[in-house]
Protein backbone atom coordinates (compact mmCIF):
# COMPACT_ATOMS: atom_id res chain seq x y z
CA UNK A 1 130.75 -28.82 -30.77
CA UNK A 2 128.89 -25.85 -29.29
CA UNK A 3 127.76 -26.43 -25.71
CA UNK A 4 124.82 -24.35 -24.48
CA UNK A 5 123.09 -24.20 -21.10
CA UNK A 6 119.50 -25.44 -21.33
CA UNK A 7 117.14 -24.83 -18.41
CA UNK A 8 113.57 -26.07 -18.14
CA UNK A 9 111.02 -27.12 -15.55
CA UNK A 10 110.49 -30.68 -14.28
CA UNK A 11 106.87 -30.53 -15.49
CA UNK A 12 105.78 -33.32 -17.87
CA UNK A 13 105.25 -31.04 -20.87
CA UNK A 14 108.86 -29.81 -20.69
CA UNK A 15 110.50 -33.16 -19.95
CA UNK A 16 108.44 -34.67 -22.77
CA UNK A 17 109.79 -32.06 -25.22
CA UNK A 18 113.46 -32.37 -24.25
CA UNK A 19 113.83 -36.08 -23.46
CA UNK A 20 115.27 -37.13 -26.82
CA UNK A 21 117.58 -34.11 -27.08
CA UNK A 22 119.36 -34.75 -23.82
CA UNK A 23 119.41 -38.57 -24.04
CA UNK A 24 121.02 -38.59 -27.48
CA UNK A 25 118.02 -40.28 -29.05
CA UNK A 26 118.30 -37.79 -31.89
CA UNK A 27 121.16 -35.90 -33.51
CA UNK A 28 121.47 -32.15 -32.87
CA UNK A 29 124.34 -31.60 -35.29
CA UNK A 30 126.95 -29.35 -33.67
CA UNK A 31 125.01 -28.66 -30.45
CA UNK A 32 125.26 -30.17 -26.99
CA UNK A 33 123.57 -29.09 -23.77
CA UNK A 34 124.27 -28.66 -20.07
CA UNK A 35 120.83 -29.25 -18.53
CA UNK A 36 119.34 -27.51 -15.49
CA UNK A 37 115.95 -28.39 -13.98
CA UNK A 38 114.18 -25.75 -11.90
CA UNK A 39 110.71 -24.45 -11.11
CA UNK A 40 109.56 -21.98 -13.76
CA UNK A 41 109.59 -19.04 -11.34
CA UNK A 42 113.18 -19.84 -10.40
CA UNK A 43 113.99 -19.80 -14.10
CA UNK A 44 112.12 -16.51 -14.51
CA UNK A 45 114.25 -14.90 -11.83
CA UNK A 46 117.50 -16.46 -13.09
CA UNK A 47 116.84 -14.95 -16.50
CA UNK A 48 117.11 -11.47 -14.96
CA UNK A 49 120.84 -12.16 -14.79
CA UNK A 50 120.88 -13.92 -18.16
CA UNK A 51 122.06 -17.07 -16.42
CA UNK A 52 121.06 -19.60 -19.09
CA UNK A 53 121.43 -19.63 -22.87
CA UNK A 54 118.14 -21.40 -23.54
CA UNK A 55 115.47 -21.29 -20.85
CA UNK A 56 111.85 -21.96 -20.13
CA UNK A 57 110.10 -18.74 -19.16
CA UNK A 58 106.60 -17.69 -18.26
CA UNK A 59 105.22 -15.27 -20.83
CA UNK A 60 104.89 -12.76 -17.98
CA UNK A 61 108.65 -12.97 -17.40
CA UNK A 62 109.24 -12.89 -21.14
CA UNK A 63 107.46 -9.53 -21.25
CA UNK A 64 110.09 -8.13 -18.87
CA UNK A 65 113.10 -9.70 -20.58
CA UNK A 66 112.64 -9.01 -24.28
CA UNK A 67 115.76 -6.85 -24.46
CA UNK A 68 117.94 -9.90 -23.79
CA UNK A 69 115.85 -12.91 -24.89
CA UNK A 70 113.66 -13.77 -27.88
CA UNK A 71 110.89 -16.38 -28.12
CA UNK A 72 111.64 -19.64 -29.91
CA UNK A 73 108.80 -20.80 -32.15
CA UNK A 74 109.11 -24.33 -30.76
CA UNK A 75 108.41 -25.38 -27.17
CA UNK A 76 105.66 -22.93 -26.20
CA UNK A 77 102.79 -23.87 -23.91
CA UNK A 78 99.56 -22.24 -25.04
CA UNK A 79 96.16 -23.51 -26.01
CA UNK A 80 92.52 -23.78 -25.05
CA UNK A 81 91.11 -25.11 -21.76
CA UNK A 82 94.57 -25.12 -20.20
CA UNK A 83 94.78 -21.89 -18.21
CA UNK A 84 95.41 -21.24 -14.50
CA UNK A 85 92.52 -21.68 -12.09
CA UNK A 86 91.53 -19.49 -9.13
CA UNK A 87 90.63 -21.92 -6.34
CA UNK A 88 89.36 -21.51 -2.79
CA UNK A 89 87.47 -23.45 -0.12
CA UNK A 90 84.03 -24.54 -1.24
CA UNK A 91 82.18 -21.94 0.85
CA UNK A 92 83.84 -19.04 -1.05
CA UNK A 93 82.97 -17.03 -4.15
CA UNK A 94 84.90 -14.46 -6.19
CA UNK A 95 84.31 -11.78 -3.55
CA UNK A 96 87.12 -13.46 -1.58
CA UNK A 97 89.54 -11.73 -3.98
CA UNK A 98 88.47 -8.28 -2.78
CA UNK A 99 89.81 -8.33 0.76
CA UNK A 100 92.48 -11.00 0.80
CA UNK A 101 95.95 -11.58 -0.58
CA UNK A 102 95.97 -14.33 -3.20
CA UNK A 103 98.58 -17.08 -3.42
CA UNK A 104 100.30 -17.24 -6.81
CA UNK A 105 103.09 -19.50 -8.10
CA UNK A 106 105.53 -16.61 -8.49
CA UNK A 107 105.46 -12.88 -9.22
CA UNK A 108 106.54 -13.31 -12.84
CA UNK A 109 104.32 -16.27 -13.68
CA UNK A 110 101.67 -15.89 -16.36
CA UNK A 111 99.18 -17.01 -13.72
CA UNK A 112 99.89 -13.80 -11.81
CA UNK A 113 99.74 -11.75 -15.02
CA UNK A 114 96.34 -13.17 -15.99
CA UNK A 115 95.07 -12.48 -12.47
CA UNK A 116 96.18 -8.85 -12.88
CA UNK A 117 94.48 -8.60 -16.28
CA UNK A 118 91.26 -10.01 -14.82
CA UNK A 119 91.35 -7.58 -11.88
CA UNK A 120 92.61 -4.73 -14.14
CA UNK A 121 95.26 -3.82 -11.60
CA UNK A 122 98.39 -5.21 -10.01
CA UNK A 123 97.02 -7.80 -7.57
CA UNK A 124 97.86 -8.21 -3.89
CA UNK A 125 99.56 -11.59 -3.92
CA UNK A 126 101.59 -14.02 -1.84
CA UNK A 127 104.15 -15.80 -4.04
CA UNK A 128 104.93 -19.43 -3.22
CA UNK A 129 105.98 -22.62 -4.98
CA UNK A 130 103.13 -23.92 -7.11
CA UNK A 131 102.95 -27.29 -5.32
CA UNK A 132 102.44 -25.60 -1.92
CA UNK A 133 99.46 -23.43 -2.89
CA UNK A 134 96.66 -25.99 -2.49
CA UNK A 135 97.94 -27.28 0.90
CA UNK A 136 98.29 -23.64 2.05
CA UNK A 137 94.64 -22.90 1.20
CA UNK A 138 93.54 -26.16 2.82
CA UNK A 139 95.45 -25.21 5.99
CA UNK A 140 93.89 -21.68 5.92
CA UNK A 141 97.26 -19.97 5.42
CA UNK A 142 95.68 -18.05 2.54
CA UNK A 143 92.10 -17.53 1.41
CA UNK A 144 92.50 -18.35 -2.29
CA UNK A 145 95.17 -19.12 -4.85
CA UNK A 146 95.95 -19.43 -8.52
CA UNK A 147 97.05 -22.93 -9.49
CA UNK A 148 98.89 -24.25 -12.54
CA UNK A 149 100.35 -27.47 -13.93
CA UNK A 150 99.04 -30.74 -12.49
CA UNK A 151 97.01 -28.85 -9.88
CA UNK A 152 94.37 -28.40 -12.54
CA UNK A 153 93.57 -32.10 -12.20
CA UNK A 154 93.93 -32.51 -8.43
CA UNK A 155 92.52 -29.44 -6.63
CA UNK A 156 89.29 -31.25 -5.71
CA UNK A 157 91.40 -33.72 -3.70
CA UNK A 158 92.12 -30.79 -1.35
CA UNK A 159 88.45 -29.94 -0.85
CA UNK A 160 88.73 -26.84 -3.05
CA UNK A 161 86.46 -25.37 -5.68
CA UNK A 162 87.31 -23.49 -8.86
CA UNK A 163 86.10 -19.87 -8.66
CA UNK A 164 87.33 -18.90 -12.12
CA UNK A 165 89.20 -20.52 -14.97
CA UNK A 166 91.50 -17.68 -16.06
CA UNK A 167 92.21 -19.44 -19.33
CA UNK A 168 88.53 -19.64 -20.17
CA UNK A 169 88.12 -16.00 -19.18
CA UNK A 170 90.97 -15.05 -21.55
CA UNK A 171 89.48 -17.13 -24.37
CA UNK A 172 86.07 -15.46 -23.89
CA UNK A 173 87.73 -12.02 -23.90
CA UNK A 174 89.96 -12.51 -26.95
CA UNK A 175 88.89 -15.63 -28.85
CA UNK A 176 92.55 -16.68 -28.74
CA UNK A 177 94.50 -19.45 -27.00
CA UNK A 178 96.00 -18.54 -23.65
CA UNK A 179 99.80 -18.11 -23.74
CA UNK A 180 101.42 -19.63 -20.66
CA UNK A 181 105.11 -20.28 -21.22
CA UNK A 182 107.79 -20.43 -23.87
CA UNK A 183 111.35 -21.43 -24.52
CA UNK A 184 113.56 -18.35 -24.84
CA UNK A 185 116.98 -17.92 -26.44
CA UNK A 186 119.54 -15.23 -25.65
CA UNK A 187 119.52 -12.68 -28.45
CA UNK A 188 123.31 -12.84 -28.54
CA UNK A 189 122.95 -16.50 -29.64
CA UNK A 190 120.33 -15.92 -32.33
CA UNK A 191 122.59 -17.56 -34.95
CA UNK A 192 121.75 -20.90 -33.27
CA UNK A 193 117.97 -20.33 -33.46
CA UNK A 194 117.20 -22.47 -36.52
CA UNK A 195 119.35 -25.38 -35.34
CA UNK A 196 117.81 -25.34 -31.86
CA UNK A 197 114.23 -25.18 -33.16
CA UNK A 198 114.86 -28.09 -35.57
CA UNK A 199 116.41 -30.13 -32.79
CA UNK A 200 113.47 -29.44 -30.47
CA UNK A 201 110.98 -30.42 -33.17
CA UNK A 202 112.78 -33.73 -33.70
CA UNK A 203 112.89 -34.32 -29.95
CA UNK A 204 109.18 -33.63 -29.54
CA UNK A 205 108.34 -35.88 -32.49
CA UNK A 206 110.43 -38.67 -30.95
CA UNK A 207 108.56 -38.48 -27.62
CA UNK A 208 105.21 -38.54 -29.38
CA UNK A 209 106.23 -41.52 -31.50
CA UNK A 210 107.92 -43.40 -28.62
CA UNK A 211 106.12 -42.34 -25.41
CA UNK A 212 107.27 -45.48 -23.59
CA UNK A 213 110.93 -44.39 -23.91
CA UNK A 214 110.34 -40.95 -22.40
CA UNK A 215 107.98 -42.19 -19.65
CA UNK A 216 110.55 -43.00 -16.95
CA UNK A 217 112.37 -39.67 -17.31
CA UNK A 218 109.10 -37.73 -17.26
CA UNK A 219 107.78 -39.57 -14.21
CA UNK A 220 110.92 -39.24 -12.10
CA UNK A 221 110.72 -35.45 -12.36
CA UNK A 222 106.94 -34.95 -12.08
CA UNK A 223 105.22 -33.62 -8.93
CA UNK A 224 102.19 -35.84 -9.50
CA UNK A 225 103.31 -39.34 -10.46
CA UNK A 226 99.98 -40.83 -11.51
CA UNK A 227 100.30 -42.08 -15.09
CA UNK A 228 96.84 -40.69 -15.89
CA UNK A 229 97.67 -37.22 -14.53
CA UNK A 230 100.98 -37.14 -16.41
CA UNK A 231 99.31 -38.13 -19.67
CA UNK A 232 96.52 -35.55 -19.16
CA UNK A 233 99.17 -32.91 -18.48
CA UNK A 234 101.10 -33.67 -21.67
CA UNK A 235 97.95 -33.91 -23.78
CA UNK A 236 96.79 -30.53 -22.46
CA UNK A 237 99.98 -28.49 -22.77
CA UNK A 238 101.75 -30.09 -25.75
CA UNK A 239 99.99 -29.34 -29.03
CA UNK A 240 100.56 -28.09 -32.58
CA UNK A 241 101.61 -24.65 -31.28
CA UNK A 242 104.23 -26.36 -29.14
CA UNK A 243 105.82 -27.88 -32.22
CA UNK A 244 105.67 -24.68 -34.26
CA UNK A 245 103.86 -21.50 -33.25
CA UNK A 246 100.93 -20.70 -35.53
CA UNK A 247 100.00 -17.21 -36.70
CA UNK A 248 97.09 -17.40 -34.25
CA UNK A 249 99.43 -18.41 -31.43
CA UNK A 250 101.81 -15.55 -32.17
CA UNK A 251 98.87 -13.13 -32.24
CA UNK A 252 97.75 -14.37 -28.82
CA UNK A 253 101.20 -13.57 -27.42
CA UNK A 254 101.16 -10.09 -28.97
CA UNK A 255 97.71 -9.36 -27.52
CA UNK A 256 98.78 -10.61 -24.08
CA UNK A 257 101.72 -8.21 -24.09
CA UNK A 258 99.63 -5.31 -25.43
CA UNK A 259 97.01 -5.72 -22.70
CA UNK A 260 99.62 -6.19 -19.98
CA UNK A 261 101.36 -2.96 -21.05
CA UNK A 262 98.05 -1.08 -20.99
CA UNK A 263 97.76 -1.81 -17.24
CA UNK A 264 101.44 -1.17 -16.55
CA UNK A 265 102.09 -4.84 -15.78
CA UNK A 266 105.09 -5.16 -18.13
CA UNK A 267 107.40 -2.52 -19.66
CA UNK A 268 107.20 -1.16 -23.20
CA UNK A 269 109.29 -2.86 -25.87
CA UNK A 270 110.02 -2.04 -29.50
CA UNK A 271 111.45 -4.89 -31.58
CA UNK A 272 110.89 -8.45 -32.72
CA UNK A 273 109.43 -10.95 -30.28
CA UNK A 274 110.53 -14.02 -32.22
């Protein structure tokens, strides 16, 4: 039995994907996993030291770590109408971005990368945990912020307005789905790639066929515990590209990296992404 470290976020789309794998609902042949849950930005930073064998990463972080990790074709979060939102108090407009630092859910998050692509420069940001951004804006600790995950469905509860949907902006610019996050594998373990991807596909299929079995595990790790919010989250971020990246999905990732390199937001890389 080969035991690998597997790190992913507590967000519903990730716990939905991995539930069956780590609860022995499906067989993964000769693989077993030591599981770590952490916020995606914590995982981004841990990957600098190559801490985990298999890990969830923001595509922004992935752009910095391609020498040591490759992108699995299963487990990615990308799609339409699912991107980060720039939010602020209702009296504000986009001019608030000109003279203020902007709260982001981590330096290496794709939210921060998309903000930089929109502004065409490295933005002036205040990194903080994603669940603290909306309260911080509400309490006037920052003027605006970029929100992700369940915040997409709850920002109005904080009296905030959406100034710009960065996902929609990306779609209008490129005609492609917005790449948000992926599951990455250490290049030194590439001989396990096919087995891991098959196992993840089976796990995802199990959760979709038996949502009631995964529900408790998903809910106990979620930031927002409303059943409706959790279901909206999964429906938004888990799609056909999550099960197996399409040619269009892979092209979206390539374009994201090309544009980010053109503004000096990620380093150059020569080699295979997948």
